[in-house]
Amino acid sequence: MNSKISASFYKSFFDNANDGILLADLKTKKFYIGNKAVCKMLGYSIKEIQNMSVMDIHPKKDLPYVIGQFERQAAGKPGESILAGDMPTQRKDGSVFYTDISASRVKIDEKMYLMGIFRDITNRREMEQNLKDAKTAASNVLEDLGIEKTKLEIARAKEEAVLFSIGDGLLATDEKGNITLINKTAEKLLGKKKEEIMGKVLSEAIIVEDEKGIPIPFEKRPVSMALATGITTTTTTTAGPVYYYVREDKTRFPVAITATPVILDGKIIGTIEVFRDITKEKEIDKAKTEFVSLASHQLRTPTTAINWYSEMLIGEEVGSLNEKQKEYLKEIHYGNQRMIGLVDSLLSISRIELGTIAIQSGPVNLAMISDDILKELQTQINKKELEVKREYENIAPALESDYKLIRIILQNLISNAVEYTPPKGKISIGIKKTDAGAHFEVADSGCGIPQNAQSKIYTKFFRADNASSVKSDGNGLGLYLTKSVVEALDGTISFKSKEGEGTVFSVDIPNRNTAKKN
């Protein structure tokens, strides 16, 4: 790696590292430099960081403990990483959060610094065991540094000290996807030795699967997408597929991955992939889903009873009511109907997430379902004077699928189109047969989805700002549920949208008998 590439490689990693990185003078405890992640974490600019010290980013009452931990870390051997856990850390706005700080001594230009890797653990303090990744380090990186070392060797040593001290698993590849670097944490997580995979193609050296155990094609892996597009690619646990890395012993674990392209002179020369084990996060997410399922089941009975009794009262089956009483009862009934809808959505989501949903296949007439939903929404359609266009092909009973789940998809997409389209706007519903099953589209001339919200549109409880202004009482579960149901049926969903010009949602659902054969 020549000096020019080395500098680009180092800068790319330092700027895009998920964890915060700070370099502090051993004697004065003043900061020498920080990266973007730590600035975002603390709320300070890089210039402000360079005028601060360790004492400025921790609550005053905790300074004796903080200084003690600093001295303990500073007393370590060069290259030795020492973890200080549950460190109270203070942002610029005065709010306090907790971090794990993995620190090691680094010698730069004959001066000693303490390099700290900061990880925000506020949301994980209740886990049974915090991730131990930050303990690993490259203890021998700086051993060979001496007075006679060239500037290039010192620069490379700085780079390697940062790369090997990071608490996440780290892999680097060249432009062809061949592995050129792996840190100790990655070796430990994957159960593989450096010697086993260095120089090998990433897709062959490390197996990646989805939740069902099906291998992920290399072209869909973050590294491949980063190489192809030159854009940083990230997987999350809140939306999209979950990736699993398969260890040497064939066990596997879920991962969150960030793949960043390394660009030199406008050309992609490789990638850096940072990943971490999210098993604990998945366990907590499952526990939350189980709780939601239990709570929703318990809410089902009283809401059903309220619905039944309110309908009896409104229908004056137990006595006459004056107009004011009827008005109040209708408000109660409407509010309860919304609660029933929310409970049903939460139950459907929890069943899908827990894998307990039962899919029952049978002939499904999409056109009939669409018409039934439009009939239910006719009052709202008439009130807004919406123009509704139907473009149906005769597909009944061509689609073999689950009637209830298909109805959930169409119900959410069509009701959203009606809800977010302004008066005298247009809605169109297209349904047609495909070789694999059926394709349908729901288009509207509504408020559209802002560009900065489009990547989050399928996230649970997320609502775009313009959608909230149109409908203030939404719950942000409709599209999350829709996508979950589509994927449960082995289908795909996509959309095209422009703010102020409307949205088109497209869904492809395969026949269940075809899906089973595959």
Protein backbone atom coordinates (compact mmCIF):
# COMPACT_ATOMS: atom_id res chain seq x y z
CA MET A 1 0.00 0.00 0.00
CA ASN A 2 1.80 3.19 -1.15
CA SER A 3 1.69 6.40 0.91
CA LYS A 4 -0.98 8.05 -1.25
CA ILE A 5 -3.33 5.07 -1.05
CA SER A 6 -2.51 4.59 2.64
CA ALA A 7 -3.55 8.17 3.41
CA SER A 8 -6.79 7.78 1.47
CA PHE A 9 -7.48 4.44 3.14
CA TYR A 10 -6.86 5.88 6.62
CA LYS A 11 -8.92 9.01 6.06
CA SER A 12 -11.86 7.05 4.63
CA PHE A 13 -11.99 4.74 7.61
CA PHE A 14 -11.40 7.48 10.21
CA ASP A 15 -14.14 9.69 8.74
CA ASN A 16 -16.68 6.86 8.32
CA ALA A 17 -16.06 4.80 11.46
CA ASN A 18 -19.27 3.99 13.33
CA ASP A 19 -17.61 4.55 16.71
CA GLY A 20 -16.32 7.88 18.03
CA ILE A 21 -12.53 8.25 18.10
CA LEU A 22 -10.60 10.77 20.25
CA LEU A 23 -6.85 11.24 20.73
CA ALA A 24 -5.86 12.84 24.08
CA ASP A 25 -2.46 14.07 25.30
CA LEU A 26 -1.32 11.75 28.12
CA LYS A 27 -0.02 14.62 30.27
CA THR A 28 -2.46 17.50 29.70
CA LYS A 29 -5.48 15.32 28.86
CA LYS A 30 -6.27 17.78 26.05
CA PHE A 31 -7.71 16.41 22.84
CA TYR A 32 -5.54 16.31 19.75
CA ILE A 33 -8.12 15.22 17.16
CA GLY A 34 -11.55 13.60 16.87
CA ASN A 35 -13.62 12.02 14.09
CA LYS A 36 -17.09 12.83 12.72
CA ALA A 37 -18.80 10.13 14.79
CA VAL A 38 -17.56 11.51 18.13
CA CYS A 39 -18.52 15.07 17.10
CA LYS A 40 -22.05 13.89 16.29
CA MET A 41 -22.16 11.88 19.51
CA LEU A 42 -21.12 14.85 21.70
CA GLY A 43 -22.64 17.70 19.72
CA TYR A 44 -19.37 19.60 19.23
CA SER A 45 -17.53 20.63 16.05
CA ILE A 46 -14.02 19.33 15.33
CA LYS A 47 -12.58 22.78 16.11
CA GLU A 48 -14.37 22.84 19.47
CA ILE A 49 -13.09 19.34 20.28
CA GLN A 50 -9.51 20.45 19.66
CA ASN A 51 -9.88 23.16 22.33
CA MET A 52 -11.26 20.77 24.96
CA SER A 53 -9.98 18.13 27.35
CA VAL A 54 -11.19 14.90 28.94
CA MET A 55 -12.69 16.88 31.85
CA ASP A 56 -15.02 18.78 29.48
CA ILE A 57 -17.01 15.78 28.21
CA HIS A 58 -17.97 14.15 31.52
CA PRO A 59 -20.27 15.33 34.36
CA LYS A 60 -18.36 17.20 37.09
CA LYS A 61 -19.60 14.89 39.82
CA ASP A 62 -18.13 11.91 38.00
CA LEU A 63 -14.71 13.46 37.26
CA PRO A 64 -12.81 11.60 40.05
CA TYR A 65 -14.00 8.29 38.61
CA VAL A 66 -13.34 9.43 35.02
CA ILE A 67 -9.80 10.62 35.81
CA GLY A 68 -9.13 7.37 37.64
CA GLN A 69 -10.22 5.39 34.58
CA PHE A 70 -8.11 7.61 32.33
CA GLU A 71 -5.03 7.01 34.46
CA ARG A 72 -5.74 3.28 34.50
CA GLN A 73 -5.97 3.21 30.72
CA ALA A 74 -2.91 5.46 30.34
CA ALA A 75 -0.87 3.08 32.51
CA GLY A 76 -1.29 0.30 29.97
CA LYS A 77 1.43 -0.86 27.66
CA PRO A 78 1.73 0.71 24.19
CA GLY A 79 -0.77 -0.96 21.91
CA GLU A 80 -2.67 -2.55 24.79
CA SER A 81 -6.39 -1.77 24.70
CA ILE A 82 -8.13 -1.24 28.06
CA LEU A 83 -11.89 -0.97 28.38
CA ALA A 84 -13.66 1.48 30.69
CA GLY A 85 -17.30 0.46 30.78
CA ASP A 86 -20.46 2.43 31.62
CA MET A 87 -18.68 5.80 31.52
CA PRO A 88 -21.06 8.74 32.13
CA THR A 89 -20.50 11.14 29.23
CA GLN A 90 -21.95 14.63 28.75
CA ARG A 91 -23.08 16.22 25.50
CA LYS A 92 -22.78 19.90 24.63
CA ASP A 93 -26.44 20.44 25.60
CA GLY A 94 -25.75 19.07 29.09
CA SER A 95 -27.55 15.74 28.63
CA VAL A 96 -25.76 12.67 29.99
CA PHE A 97 -25.43 9.30 28.29
CA TYR A 98 -23.23 6.26 28.81
CA THR A 99 -20.34 4.99 26.76
CA ASP A 100 -17.86 2.15 26.68
CA ILE A 101 -14.41 3.60 26.02
CA SER A 102 -11.68 1.31 24.73
CA ALA A 103 -8.36 3.11 25.00
CA SER A 104 -4.74 2.35 24.23
CA ARG A 105 -1.48 4.30 24.26
CA VAL A 106 -0.22 5.43 20.87
CA LYS A 107 3.15 6.97 20.13
CA ILE A 108 3.08 9.64 17.41
CA ASP A 109 6.04 11.82 16.50
CA GLU A 110 7.82 10.81 19.73
CA LYS A 111 4.82 11.95 21.83
CA MET A 112 2.45 9.67 23.71
CA TYR A 113 -1.31 9.93 23.31
CA LEU A 114 -4.26 7.93 24.62
CA MET A 115 -6.54 6.88 21.77
CA GLY A 116 -10.13 6.28 22.90
CA ILE A 117 -12.81 4.45 20.91
CA PHE A 118 -16.24 5.67 22.13
CA ARG A 119 -19.41 3.61 21.81
CA ASP A 120 -22.82 4.89 22.95
CA ILE A 121 -24.39 2.09 25.06
CA THR A 122 -27.37 3.99 26.50
CA ASN A 123 -29.92 1.73 24.81
CA ARG A 124 -28.06 -1.46 25.66
CA ARG A 125 -27.36 -1.03 29.41
CA GLU A 126 -30.17 -3.41 30.29
CA MET A 127 -28.72 -6.24 28.22
CA GLU A 128 -27.33 -9.21 30.17
CA GLN A 129 -23.90 -8.59 28.80
CA ASN A 130 -22.48 -5.67 26.84
CA LEU A 131 -20.61 -6.39 23.66
CA LYS A 132 -16.96 -7.15 24.41
CA ASP A 133 -15.65 -6.23 20.98
CA ALA A 134 -13.89 -3.09 22.19
CA LYS A 135 -11.42 -5.17 24.28
CA THR A 136 -9.49 -6.40 21.27
CA ALA A 137 -6.45 -4.57 19.98
CA ALA A 138 -3.32 -5.07 17.98
CA SER A 139 -0.75 -5.17 20.79
CA ASN A 140 2.30 -5.30 18.52
CA VAL A 141 1.39 -2.59 15.98
CA LEU A 142 3.77 0.01 17.42
CA GLU A 143 6.53 -2.29 18.73
CA ASP A 144 8.71 -1.76 15.69
CA LEU A 145 8.44 2.03 15.71
CA GLY A 146 11.82 3.72 16.36
CA ILE A 147 13.69 6.95 15.81
CA GLU A 148 14.88 5.78 12.39
CA LYS A 149 11.38 4.98 11.09
CA THR A 150 10.39 6.86 7.95
CA LYS A 151 7.37 9.14 7.81
CA LEU A 152 5.61 6.56 5.65
CA GLU A 153 6.08 3.81 8.25
CA ILE A 154 4.84 6.10 11.02
CA ALA A 155 1.74 7.00 8.94
CA ARG A 156 1.03 3.32 8.33
CA ALA A 157 1.47 2.57 12.04
CA LYS A 158 -1.06 5.28 12.92
CA GLU A 159 -3.49 3.79 10.41
CA GLU A 160 -3.09 0.25 11.70
CA ALA A 161 -3.38 1.35 15.34
CA VAL A 162 -6.80 2.83 14.61
CA LEU A 163 -7.98 -0.05 12.43
CA PHE A 164 -6.97 -2.81 14.80
CA SER A 165 -8.20 -1.07 17.97
CA ILE A 166 -11.77 -0.64 16.72
CA GLY A 167 -14.29 -2.66 18.69
CA ASP A 168 -16.30 -3.80 15.65
CA GLY A 169 -15.33 -6.50 13.20
CA LEU A 170 -13.47 -4.96 10.26
CA LEU A 171 -12.66 -6.27 6.78
CA ALA A 172 -11.01 -4.46 3.90
CA THR A 173 -11.12 -5.57 0.26
CA ASP A 174 -9.55 -4.46 -3.00
CA GLU A 175 -11.57 -3.39 -6.02
CA LYS A 176 -12.22 -7.05 -6.94
CA GLY A 177 -13.59 -8.00 -3.53
CA ASN A 178 -10.45 -9.81 -2.37
CA ILE A 179 -9.82 -9.54 1.38
CA THR A 180 -6.77 -7.39 2.15
CA LEU A 181 -7.20 -6.83 5.89
CA ILE A 182 -9.06 -8.34 8.85
CA ASN A 183 -8.88 -7.22 12.47
CA LYS A 184 -8.84 -9.34 15.63
CA THR A 185 -12.51 -8.70 16.42
CA ALA A 186 -13.56 -10.01 13.00
CA GLU A 187 -11.39 -13.11 13.46
CA LYS A 188 -13.04 -13.76 16.82
CA LEU A 189 -16.61 -13.20 15.58
CA LEU A 190 -16.17 -15.32 12.46
CA GLY A 191 -14.09 -18.06 14.08
CA LYS A 192 -11.54 -17.72 11.30
CA LYS A 193 -7.82 -16.95 11.39
CA LYS A 194 -6.29 -14.17 9.36
CA GLU A 195 -4.15 -16.64 7.45
CA GLU A 196 -7.23 -18.59 6.33
CA ILE A 197 -8.99 -15.80 4.44
CA MET A 198 -6.45 -13.11 3.53
CA GLY A 199 -6.30 -12.73 -0.26
CA LYS A 200 -9.49 -14.74 -0.82
CA VAL A 201 -12.64 -13.39 -2.45
CA LEU A 202 -15.00 -12.19 0.30
CA SER A 203 -17.99 -14.05 -1.15
CA GLU A 204 -16.08 -17.35 -0.97
CA ALA A 205 -14.35 -16.80 2.37
CA ILE A 206 -17.42 -15.73 4.37
CA ILE A 207 -20.92 -17.15 3.92
CA VAL A 208 -23.87 -14.77 4.39
CA GLU A 209 -27.46 -16.00 4.79
CA ASP A 210 -30.91 -14.50 5.30
CA GLU A 211 -33.21 -15.36 8.21
CA LYS A 212 -34.41 -18.51 6.42
CA GLY A 213 -30.85 -19.78 5.91
CA ILE A 214 -30.79 -19.00 2.18
CA PRO A 215 -27.38 -17.73 0.96
CA ILE A 216 -27.30 -14.03 0.01
CA PRO A 217 -25.94 -13.50 -3.55
CA PHE A 218 -22.69 -11.54 -3.54
CA GLU A 219 -24.21 -8.79 -5.68
CA LYS A 220 -26.73 -8.07 -2.89
CA ARG A 221 -24.12 -7.87 -0.14
CA PRO A 222 -23.12 -4.39 1.10
CA VAL A 223 -19.50 -4.70 -0.09
CA SER A 224 -20.61 -5.54 -3.62
CA MET A 225 -23.10 -2.65 -3.69
CA ALA A 226 -20.47 -0.24 -2.34
CA LEU A 227 -18.03 -1.36 -5.07
CA ALA A 228 -20.69 -1.04 -7.76
CA THR A 229 -22.17 2.33 -6.73
CA GLY A 230 -19.41 4.10 -4.82
CA ILE A 231 -21.95 4.79 -2.05
CA THR A 232 -21.74 3.70 1.58
CA THR A 233 -24.19 0.83 2.11
CA THR A 234 -25.67 -0.06 5.49
CA THR A 235 -27.90 -2.84 6.79
CA THR A 236 -30.09 -2.24 9.84
CA THR A 237 -32.39 -4.12 12.16
CA THR A 238 -35.31 -1.77 11.74
CA ALA A 239 -36.01 -2.21 8.06
CA GLY A 240 -35.01 -4.52 5.24
CA PRO A 241 -33.59 -8.02 5.40
CA VAL A 242 -31.42 -9.21 8.30
CA TYR A 243 -28.04 -10.66 7.32
CA TYR A 244 -26.42 -13.57 9.15
CA TYR A 245 -22.72 -14.42 9.07
CA VAL A 246 -21.90 -18.12 9.21
CA ARG A 247 -18.97 -19.08 11.45
CA GLU A 248 -16.37 -21.72 10.75
CA ASP A 249 -18.25 -24.16 13.04
CA LYS A 250 -21.46 -23.56 11.00
CA THR A 251 -23.18 -21.58 13.75
CA ARG A 252 -24.41 -18.17 12.68
CA PHE A 253 -25.17 -14.74 14.12
CA PRO A 254 -27.09 -11.65 12.90
CA VAL A 255 -25.00 -8.64 11.91
CA ALA A 256 -25.34 -4.94 11.23
CA ILE A 257 -23.01 -4.02 8.36
CA THR A 258 -21.62 -0.79 6.96
CA ALA A 259 -19.58 -1.04 3.75
CA THR A 260 -17.73 2.11 2.66
CA PRO A 261 -15.98 2.47 -0.70
CA VAL A 262 -12.34 3.64 -0.66
CA ILE A 263 -11.96 6.18 -3.45
CA LEU A 264 -8.67 7.50 -4.81
CA ASP A 265 -8.53 10.07 -7.61
CA GLY A 266 -12.18 9.39 -8.40
CA LYS A 267 -11.64 5.64 -8.72
CA ILE A 268 -12.90 2.95 -6.34
CA ILE A 269 -9.85 1.00 -5.14
CA GLY A 270 -11.55 -1.11 -2.48
CA THR A 271 -13.97 -1.15 0.44
CA ILE A 272 -13.96 -1.15 4.22
CA GLU A 273 -16.66 -3.25 5.88
CA VAL A 274 -17.44 -2.72 9.56
CA PHE A 275 -19.82 -5.20 11.19
CA ARG A 276 -21.05 -6.12 14.66
CA ASP A 277 -22.98 -8.95 16.26
CA ILE A 278 -26.57 -7.82 16.96
CA THR A 279 -27.76 -11.02 18.65
CA LYS A 280 -28.67 -9.16 21.85
CA GLU A 281 -30.55 -6.48 19.93
CA LYS A 282 -32.51 -9.20 18.10
CA GLU A 283 -33.34 -10.90 21.40
CA ILE A 284 -34.59 -7.63 22.89
CA ASP A 285 -36.61 -6.91 19.74
CA LYS A 286 -38.19 -10.37 19.99
CA ALA A 287 -39.03 -9.79 23.66
CA LYS A 288 -40.69 -6.48 22.78
CA THR A 289 -42.66 -8.16 19.99
CA GLU A 290 -43.85 -10.88 22.39
CA PHE A 291 -44.93 -8.21 24.87
CA VAL A 292 -46.84 -6.30 22.17
CA SER A 293 -48.54 -9.53 21.12
CA LEU A 294 -49.58 -10.32 24.69
CA ALA A 295 -50.79 -6.78 25.37
CA SER A 296 -52.72 -6.67 22.08
CA HIS A 297 -54.48 -9.93 22.88
CA GLN A 298 -55.52 -8.55 26.25
CA LEU A 299 -56.85 -5.35 24.64
CA ARG A 300 -58.89 -7.28 22.07
CA THR A 301 -61.62 -8.37 24.50
CA PRO A 302 -62.51 -4.97 26.05
CA THR A 303 -62.41 -3.12 22.72
CA THR A 304 -64.73 -5.70 21.16
CA ALA A 305 -67.13 -5.34 24.10
CA ILE A 306 -67.06 -1.53 23.86
CA ASN A 307 -67.77 -1.77 20.12
CA TRP A 308 -70.74 -4.08 20.66
CA TYR A 309 -72.33 -2.02 23.45
CA SER A 310 -71.77 1.32 21.68
CA GLU A 311 -73.48 -0.02 18.55
CA MET A 312 -76.44 -1.14 20.66
CA LEU A 313 -76.70 2.29 22.28
CA ILE A 314 -76.39 4.19 18.99
CA GLY A 315 -79.08 1.94 17.49
CA GLU A 316 -81.31 2.81 20.49
CA GLU A 317 -81.90 -0.86 21.19
CA VAL A 318 -82.05 -0.16 24.93
CA GLY A 319 -83.82 3.19 24.91
CA SER A 320 -84.03 6.46 23.01
CA LEU A 321 -81.26 9.08 23.04
CA ASN A 322 -81.21 12.79 22.40
CA GLU A 323 -79.01 14.19 19.60
CA LYS A 324 -76.20 15.26 21.96
CA GLN A 325 -76.00 11.78 23.49
CA LYS A 326 -75.90 10.20 20.02
CA GLU A 327 -73.11 12.58 18.98
CA TYR A 328 -70.99 11.63 22.02
CA LEU A 329 -71.63 7.92 21.53
CA LYS A 330 -70.61 8.12 17.88
CA GLU A 331 -67.32 9.74 18.95
CA ILE A 332 -66.78 6.91 21.44
CA HIS A 333 -67.58 4.34 18.76
CA TYR A 334 -65.23 6.01 16.25
CA GLY A 335 -62.39 6.19 18.79
CA ASN A 336 -62.90 2.54 19.70
CA GLN A 337 -62.88 1.53 16.02
CA ARG A 338 -59.50 3.22 15.65
CA MET A 339 -58.27 1.32 18.72
CA ILE A 340 -59.49 -1.98 17.24
CA GLY A 341 -57.66 -1.19 14.00
CA LEU A 342 -54.45 -0.45 15.92
CA VAL A 343 -54.75 -3.65 17.98
CA ASP A 344 -55.36 -5.71 14.82
CA SER A 345 -52.29 -4.15 13.17
CA LEU A 346 -50.11 -4.83 16.21
CA LEU A 347 -51.32 -8.44 16.38
CA SER A 348 -50.60 -9.00 12.69
CA ILE A 349 -47.13 -7.46 13.01
CA SER A 350 -46.23 -9.49 16.11
CA ARG A 351 -47.37 -12.74 14.46
CA ILE A 352 -45.25 -12.05 11.39
CA GLU A 353 -42.20 -11.03 13.44
CA LEU A 354 -42.51 -14.07 15.70
CA GLY A 355 -43.05 -16.39 12.74
CA THR A 356 -46.38 -17.63 14.11
CA ILE A 357 -48.62 -16.32 11.34
CA ALA A 358 -50.51 -19.10 9.55
CA ILE A 359 -50.72 -18.62 5.79
CA GLN A 360 -53.75 -20.29 4.22
CA SER A 361 -53.68 -20.57 0.46
CA GLY A 362 -56.71 -20.46 -1.78
CA PRO A 363 -58.03 -18.72 -4.90
CA VAL A 364 -57.98 -14.94 -4.43
CA ASN A 365 -59.86 -12.45 -6.61
CA LEU A 366 -57.87 -9.22 -6.31
CA ALA A 367 -60.40 -7.18 -8.29
CA MET A 368 -63.22 -8.20 -5.93
CA ILE A 369 -61.14 -7.30 -2.86
CA SER A 370 -60.23 -3.93 -4.39
CA ASP A 371 -63.87 -3.14 -5.16
CA ASP A 372 -64.97 -4.12 -1.64
CA ILE A 373 -62.39 -1.76 -0.13
CA LEU A 374 -63.41 1.09 -2.46
CA LYS A 375 -67.03 0.52 -1.45
CA GLU A 376 -66.08 0.85 2.23
CA LEU A 377 -64.25 4.11 1.43
CA GLN A 378 -66.96 5.46 -0.88
CA THR A 379 -68.24 8.09 1.58
CA GLN A 380 -64.76 9.59 1.90
CA ILE A 381 -64.19 9.33 -1.86
CA ASN A 382 -67.47 11.16 -2.57
CA LYS A 383 -66.78 13.82 0.04
CA LYS A 384 -63.38 14.61 -1.53
CA GLU A 385 -64.74 14.22 -5.10
CA LEU A 386 -61.90 11.89 -6.02
CA GLU A 387 -61.60 10.39 -9.50
CA VAL A 388 -61.02 6.64 -9.17
CA LYS A 389 -59.76 4.63 -12.14
CA ARG A 390 -59.80 0.81 -12.19
CA GLU A 391 -57.61 -1.14 -14.61
CA TYR A 392 -58.32 -4.82 -13.93
CA GLU A 393 -57.45 -7.90 -15.89
CA ASN A 394 -59.57 -10.98 -15.36
CA ILE A 395 -57.24 -12.84 -12.99
CA ALA A 396 -59.73 -14.73 -10.82
CA PRO A 397 -58.97 -17.34 -9.61
CA ALA A 398 -55.42 -17.10 -11.01
CA LEU A 399 -53.74 -16.01 -7.76
CA GLU A 400 -53.25 -18.72 -5.15
CA SER A 401 -52.58 -16.89 -1.90
CA ASP A 402 -53.98 -15.92 1.53
CA TYR A 403 -57.18 -13.86 1.23
CA LYS A 404 -56.84 -12.08 4.61
CA LEU A 405 -53.22 -11.10 4.05
CA ILE A 406 -53.86 -9.89 0.50
CA ARG A 407 -56.71 -7.78 1.86
CA ILE A 408 -54.38 -6.19 4.45
CA ILE A 409 -52.01 -5.13 1.64
CA LEU A 410 -54.74 -3.64 -0.57
CA GLN A 411 -56.58 -2.08 2.39
CA ASN A 412 -53.50 -0.16 3.53
CA LEU A 413 -52.41 0.98 0.07
CA ILE A 414 -55.87 2.05 -1.16
CA SER A 415 -56.91 3.72 2.11
CA ASN A 416 -53.60 5.63 2.17
CA ALA A 417 -54.20 6.79 -1.41
CA VAL A 418 -57.67 8.06 -0.48
CA GLU A 419 -56.46 9.63 2.77
CA TYR A 420 -53.48 11.52 1.35
CA THR A 421 -54.97 12.65 -1.97
CA PRO A 422 -56.41 16.19 -1.87
CA PRO A 423 -60.00 16.99 -2.97
CA LYS A 424 -60.67 16.43 -6.69
CA GLY A 425 -57.47 14.39 -6.99
CA LYS A 426 -56.98 11.13 -8.87
CA ILE A 427 -56.45 7.51 -7.78
CA SER A 428 -55.84 4.51 -10.01
CA ILE A 429 -55.69 0.80 -9.16
CA GLY A 430 -54.14 -1.59 -11.65
CA ILE A 431 -54.26 -5.39 -11.38
CA LYS A 432 -52.86 -7.86 -13.86
CA LYS A 433 -51.76 -11.46 -14.17
CA THR A 434 -48.06 -12.38 -14.36
CA ASP A 435 -46.27 -15.63 -15.12
CA ALA A 436 -45.47 -16.07 -11.41
CA GLY A 437 -48.71 -14.74 -9.92
CA ALA A 438 -50.11 -11.22 -9.91
CA HIS A 439 -48.94 -7.61 -10.07
CA PHE A 440 -50.91 -4.66 -8.76
CA GLU A 441 -50.31 -0.94 -8.48
CA VAL A 442 -51.99 1.79 -6.43
CA ALA A 443 -51.27 5.32 -7.68
CA ASP A 444 -52.43 8.68 -6.35
CA SER A 445 -51.96 12.40 -6.98
CA GLY A 446 -51.48 13.09 -3.28
CA CYS A 447 -48.87 14.79 -1.12
CA GLY A 448 -46.09 12.36 -2.10
CA ILE A 449 -43.16 11.21 0.02
CA PRO A 450 -40.28 13.67 0.60
CA GLN A 451 -36.89 12.48 -0.65
CA ASN A 452 -35.36 12.56 2.84
CA ALA A 453 -38.13 10.32 4.19
CA GLN A 454 -38.18 7.67 1.46
CA SER A 455 -35.50 5.45 3.02
CA LYS A 456 -37.52 5.29 6.27
CA ILE A 457 -41.00 4.85 4.84
CA TYR A 458 -41.27 1.16 5.83
CA THR A 459 -39.92 1.79 9.35
CA LYS A 460 -42.21 0.95 12.25
CA PHE A 461 -44.01 4.05 13.67
CA PHE A 462 -42.35 6.40 11.14
CA ARG A 463 -44.43 9.10 9.45
CA ALA A 464 -43.20 11.76 7.05
CA ASP A 465 -43.78 15.35 8.17
CA ASN A 466 -46.10 16.17 5.28
CA ALA A 467 -48.18 13.05 5.99
CA SER A 468 -48.58 14.09 9.63
CA SER A 469 -49.88 17.49 8.55
CA VAL A 470 -52.52 15.84 6.33
CA LYS A 471 -53.57 13.20 8.87
CA SER A 472 -52.55 13.90 12.46
CA ASP A 473 -53.92 10.68 13.98
CA GLY A 474 -51.95 8.10 11.98
CA ASN A 475 -49.87 5.49 13.82
CA GLY A 476 -47.06 4.83 11.32
CA LEU A 477 -47.73 1.08 11.18
CA GLY A 478 -49.57 0.73 7.86
CA LEU A 479 -46.64 0.55 5.44
CA TYR A 480 -44.48 -1.42 7.88
CA LEU A 481 -47.27 -4.00 8.15
CA THR A 482 -47.84 -3.96 4.39
CA LYS A 483 -44.19 -4.69 3.61
CA SER A 484 -44.06 -7.39 6.31
CA VAL A 485 -47.13 -9.12 4.84
CA VAL A 486 -45.78 -8.87 1.28
CA GLU A 487 -42.50 -10.48 2.36
CA ALA A 488 -44.37 -13.17 4.33
CA LEU A 489 -46.06 -14.08 1.05
CA ASP A 490 -42.63 -14.16 -0.71
CA GLY A 491 -43.60 -11.05 -2.69
CA THR A 492 -41.90 -7.72 -3.37
CA ILE A 493 -43.04 -4.12 -2.90
CA SER A 494 -41.58 -0.88 -4.26
CA PHE A 495 -42.67 2.70 -4.81
CA LYS A 496 -41.98 5.83 -6.84
CA SER A 497 -42.84 9.18 -5.35
CA LYS A 498 -42.18 12.88 -5.57
CA GLU A 499 -43.28 15.35 -2.94
CA GLY A 500 -46.42 17.21 -4.02
CA GLU A 501 -46.93 15.02 -7.10
CA GLY A 502 -48.18 11.72 -5.70
CA THR A 503 -46.99 8.15 -5.20
CA VAL A 504 -47.20 4.81 -7.01
CA PHE A 505 -46.87 1.59 -4.99
CA SER A 506 -46.14 -1.60 -6.95
CA VAL A 507 -46.57 -5.10 -5.52
CA ASP A 508 -45.78 -8.52 -6.99
CA ILE A 509 -47.22 -11.60 -5.26
CA PRO A 510 -46.35 -15.11 -6.47
CA ASN A 511 -48.79 -18.00 -6.43
CA ARG A 512 -48.30 -19.94 -3.21
CA ASN A 513 -47.99 -23.24 -5.06
CA THR A 514 -45.18 -21.70 -7.20
CA ALA A 515 -43.47 -20.25 -4.12
CA LYS A 516 -43.52 -23.63 -2.40
CA LYS A 517 -41.83 -25.33 -5.35
CA ASN A 518 -39.04 -22.80 -5.18
